Amino acid sequence: MRGARAISQTRMTIMQRGEVHGVLVDVSCIGRFYDFFEKRAGRWGIVLRQPIYEKDRMDPVLPGATVELDPDLLARFPEGYRYLAYLQVLVGYPVKPDMPGLRGPGVEALYARGAAWLAGEPVAP
């Protein structure tokens, strides 16, 4: 399998507009895609794509508007995608509370999975 696997990191931005407690907001989230690649039958393809969430923010669309956030709901999510998760929960999406961020055990475990992948171990989705 030597030379048939690779890891790639690519910058990404997620932008979402929605209503939070009656106020129209824009949420932007910046991070990276951590991709597991493998060459099969002479072609490279992504086997697994894992986002790493670095930072996000929420801005009212109307200048001067303010939005009051529920501190308990906001605290349920990690720093890297806290505001994105807040908006997504309000519009009905299920949100995982333990996605990898800029630092910590989640991203350390992801990097360990990447090293194991490059060493020939299988990767579970």
C-alpha atoms as a PDB file:
ATOM      1  CA  MET A   1       0.000   0.000   0.000  1.00  0.00           C
ATOM      2  CA  ARG A   2       2.998   2.313   0.152  1.00  0.00           C
ATOM      3  CA  GLY A   3       2.306   5.519  -1.736  1.00  0.00           C
ATOM      4  CA  ALA A   4      -1.387   4.766  -2.173  1.00  0.00           C
ATOM      5  CA  ARG A   5      -2.642   6.924   0.707  1.00  0.00           C
ATOM      6  CA  ALA A   6      -2.472  10.610   1.549  1.00  0.00           C
ATOM      7  CA  ILE A   7      -3.879  13.263   3.871  1.00  0.00           C
ATOM      8  CA  SER A   8      -4.847  16.730   2.685  1.00  0.00           C
ATOM      9  CA  GLN A   9      -5.980  19.833   4.552  1.00  0.00           C
ATOM     10  CA  THR A  10      -7.970  22.500   2.708  1.00  0.00           C
ATOM     11  CA  ARG A  11      -9.358  25.791   4.050  1.00  0.00           C
ATOM     12  CA  MET A  12     -13.145  26.070   4.136  1.00  0.00           C
ATOM     13  CA  THR A  13     -15.799  28.623   5.041  1.00  0.00           C
ATOM     14  CA  ILE A  14     -19.423  27.843   5.860  1.00  0.00           C
ATOM     15  CA  MET A  15     -21.893  30.713   5.556  1.00  0.00           C
ATOM     16  CA  GLN A  16     -25.532  30.456   6.621  1.00  0.00           C
ATOM     17  CA  ARG A  17     -28.323  33.011   6.953  1.00  0.00           C
ATOM     18  CA  GLY A  18     -31.271  32.425   9.237  1.00  0.00           C
ATOM     19  CA  GLU A  19     -33.500  33.828  11.916  1.00  0.00           C
ATOM     20  CA  VAL A  20     -32.451  33.702  15.557  1.00  0.00           C
ATOM     21  CA  HIS A  21     -35.112  34.782  18.057  1.00  0.00           C
ATOM     22  CA  GLY A  22     -36.772  37.038  15.495  1.00  0.00           C
ATOM     23  CA  VAL A  23     -33.556  38.602  14.179  1.00  0.00           C
ATOM     24  CA  LEU A  24     -32.134  37.766  10.735  1.00  0.00           C
ATOM     25  CA  VAL A  25     -28.438  36.886  11.114  1.00  0.00           C
ATOM     26  CA  ASP A  26     -25.493  35.753   9.047  1.00  0.00           C
ATOM     27  CA  VAL A  27     -23.225  33.102  10.532  1.00  0.00           C
ATOM     28  CA  SER A  28     -19.771  32.440   9.130  1.00  0.00           C
ATOM     29  CA  CYS A  29     -17.569  29.560  10.235  1.00  0.00           C
ATOM     30  CA  ILE A  30     -13.932  29.111   9.210  1.00  0.00           C
ATOM     31  CA  GLY A  31     -11.966  25.899   9.388  1.00  0.00           C
ATOM     32  CA  ARG A  32     -10.328  23.131   7.386  1.00  0.00           C
ATOM     33  CA  PHE A  33     -11.305  19.916   5.685  1.00  0.00           C
ATOM     34  CA  TYR A  34      -9.049  17.053   6.763  1.00  0.00           C
ATOM     35  CA  ASP A  35      -9.320  14.532   3.935  1.00  0.00           C
ATOM     36  CA  PHE A  36      -8.227  10.900   3.823  1.00  0.00           C
ATOM     37  CA  PHE A  37      -7.246   9.982   0.237  1.00  0.00           C
ATOM     38  CA  GLU A  38      -6.541   6.624  -1.346  1.00  0.00           C
ATOM     39  CA  LYS A  39      -5.445   5.590  -4.812  1.00  0.00           C
ATOM     40  CA  ARG A  40      -7.659   2.798  -6.153  1.00  0.00           C
ATOM     41  CA  ALA A  41      -7.501   1.369  -9.666  1.00  0.00           C
ATOM     42  CA  GLY A  42      -5.079   4.137 -10.617  1.00  0.00           C
ATOM     43  CA  ARG A  43      -7.310   7.010  -9.425  1.00  0.00           C
ATOM     44  CA  TRP A  44      -7.151   9.133  -6.277  1.00  0.00           C
ATOM     45  CA  GLY A  45     -10.350   9.689  -4.303  1.00  0.00           C
ATOM     46  CA  ILE A  46     -11.528  10.940  -0.914  1.00  0.00           C
ATOM     47  CA  VAL A  47     -12.291   8.104   1.491  1.00  0.00           C
ATOM     48  CA  LEU A  48     -13.278  10.348   4.411  1.00  0.00           C
ATOM     49  CA  ARG A  49     -13.700  14.106   4.852  1.00  0.00           C
ATOM     50  CA  GLN A  50     -13.655  15.501   8.377  1.00  0.00           C
ATOM     51  CA  PRO A  51     -14.168  19.214   9.044  1.00  0.00           C
ATOM     52  CA  ILE A  52     -12.055  20.938  11.684  1.00  0.00           C
ATOM     53  CA  TYR A  53     -13.876  23.996  13.032  1.00  0.00           C
ATOM     54  CA  GLU A  54     -11.593  26.890  13.998  1.00  0.00           C
ATOM     55  CA  LYS A  55     -13.779  29.934  14.633  1.00  0.00           C
ATOM     56  CA  ASP A  56     -17.183  31.376  13.864  1.00  0.00           C
ATOM     57  CA  ARG A  57     -19.279  34.468  14.373  1.00  0.00           C
ATOM     58  CA  MET A  58     -22.876  35.635  14.165  1.00  0.00           C
ATOM     59  CA  ASP A  59     -23.821  39.068  12.823  1.00  0.00           C
ATOM     60  CA  PRO A  60     -27.289  40.620  12.550  1.00  0.00           C
ATOM     61  CA  VAL A  61     -28.069  41.425   8.895  1.00  0.00           C
ATOM     62  CA  LEU A  62     -29.675  44.758   9.832  1.00  0.00           C
ATOM     63  CA  PRO A  63     -26.976  47.141  11.144  1.00  0.00           C
ATOM     64  CA  GLY A  64     -27.624  48.097  14.746  1.00  0.00           C
ATOM     65  CA  ALA A  65     -29.906  45.139  15.444  1.00  0.00           C
ATOM     66  CA  THR A  66     -29.119  42.978  18.455  1.00  0.00           C
ATOM     67  CA  VAL A  67     -29.933  39.375  19.191  1.00  0.00           C
ATOM     68  CA  GLU A  68     -30.214  37.891  22.674  1.00  0.00           C
ATOM     69  CA  LEU A  69     -28.739  34.377  22.775  1.00  0.00           C
ATOM     70  CA  ASP A  70     -29.606  31.669  25.288  1.00  0.00           C
ATOM     71  CA  PRO A  71     -26.311  31.217  27.197  1.00  0.00           C
ATOM     72  CA  ASP A  72     -27.122  27.596  28.141  1.00  0.00           C
ATOM     73  CA  LEU A  73     -27.765  26.594  24.522  1.00  0.00           C
ATOM     74  CA  LEU A  74     -24.677  28.461  23.316  1.00  0.00           C
ATOM     75  CA  ALA A  75     -22.498  26.743  25.950  1.00  0.00           C
ATOM     76  CA  ARG A  76     -23.496  23.272  24.644  1.00  0.00           C
ATOM     77  CA  PHE A  77     -21.196  23.667  21.637  1.00  0.00           C
ATOM     78  CA  PRO A  78     -17.423  24.032  21.247  1.00  0.00           C
ATOM     79  CA  GLU A  79     -15.844  27.381  20.500  1.00  0.00           C
ATOM     80  CA  GLY A  80     -15.032  26.620  16.842  1.00  0.00           C
ATOM     81  CA  TYR A  81     -18.650  26.266  15.663  1.00  0.00           C
ATOM     82  CA  ARG A  82     -20.698  27.564  18.577  1.00  0.00           C
ATOM     83  CA  TYR A  83     -22.752  30.160  16.659  1.00  0.00           C
ATOM     84  CA  LEU A  84     -23.234  27.947  13.603  1.00  0.00           C
ATOM     85  CA  ALA A  85     -24.549  25.154  15.843  1.00  0.00           C
ATOM     86  CA  TYR A  86     -26.831  27.591  17.690  1.00  0.00           C
ATOM     87  CA  LEU A  87     -28.486  28.672  14.432  1.00  0.00           C
ATOM     88  CA  GLN A  88     -28.705  25.134  13.079  1.00  0.00           C
ATOM     89  CA  VAL A  89     -30.370  23.792  16.235  1.00  0.00           C
ATOM     90  CA  LEU A  90     -32.972  26.573  16.072  1.00  0.00           C
ATOM     91  CA  VAL A  91     -33.873  25.692  12.471  1.00  0.00           C
ATOM     92  CA  GLY A  92     -34.148  21.998  13.327  1.00  0.00           C
ATOM     93  CA  TYR A  93     -30.848  20.390  12.311  1.00  0.00           C
ATOM     94  CA  PRO A  94     -29.224  17.794  14.559  1.00  0.00           C
ATOM     95  CA  VAL A  95     -25.770  19.031  15.584  1.00  0.00           C
ATOM     96  CA  LYS A  96     -22.939  16.908  16.939  1.00  0.00           C
ATOM     97  CA  PRO A  97     -21.491  18.506  20.089  1.00  0.00           C
ATOM     98  CA  ASP A  98     -18.010  16.990  19.762  1.00  0.00           C
ATOM     99  CA  MET A  99     -16.576  17.897  16.350  1.00  0.00           C
ATOM    100  CA  PRO A 100     -12.822  18.626  16.145  1.00  0.00           C
ATOM    101  CA  GLY A 101     -11.734  22.193  16.767  1.00  0.00           C
ATOM    102  CA  LEU A 102      -8.496  24.122  16.563  1.00  0.00           C
ATOM    103  CA  ARG A 103      -7.005  22.263  19.543  1.00  0.00           C
ATOM    104  CA  GLY A 104      -7.961  19.640  22.081  1.00  0.00           C
ATOM    105  CA  PRO A 105      -8.664  15.910  22.228  1.00  0.00           C
ATOM    106  CA  GLY A 106     -10.963  15.877  19.180  1.00  0.00           C
ATOM    107  CA  VAL A 107      -8.381  17.204  16.741  1.00  0.00           C
ATOM    108  CA  GLU A 108      -5.582  15.207  18.402  1.00  0.00           C
ATOM    109  CA  ALA A 109      -7.619  12.019  17.852  1.00  0.00           C
ATOM    110  CA  LEU A 110      -8.212  13.012  14.229  1.00  0.00           C
ATOM    111  CA  TYR A 111      -4.479  13.528  13.641  1.00  0.00           C
ATOM    112  CA  ALA A 112      -3.817  10.114  15.226  1.00  0.00           C
ATOM    113  CA  ARG A 113      -6.379   8.560  12.846  1.00  0.00           C
ATOM    114  CA  GLY A 114      -4.589  10.265   9.962  1.00  0.00           C
ATOM    115  CA  ALA A 115      -1.218   8.848  11.029  1.00  0.00           C
ATOM    116  CA  ALA A 116      -2.742   5.374  11.381  1.00  0.00           C
ATOM    117  CA  TRP A 117      -4.327   5.734   7.931  1.00  0.00           C
ATOM    118  CA  LEU A 118      -0.985   6.620   6.373  1.00  0.00           C
ATOM    119  CA  ALA A 119       0.538   3.599   8.143  1.00  0.00           C
ATOM    120  CA  GLY A 120      -1.970   1.274   6.446  1.00  0.00           C
ATOM    121  CA  GLU A 121      -4.741   0.985   9.040  1.00  0.00           C
ATOM    122  CA  PRO A 122      -8.396   1.115   7.916  1.00  0.00           C
ATOM    123  CA  VAL A 123     -10.451   4.208   8.656  1.00  0.00           C
ATOM    124  CA  ALA A 124     -14.056   3.978   9.816  1.00  0.00           C
ATOM    125  CA  PRO A 125     -16.440   6.748   8.706  1.00  0.00           C
END
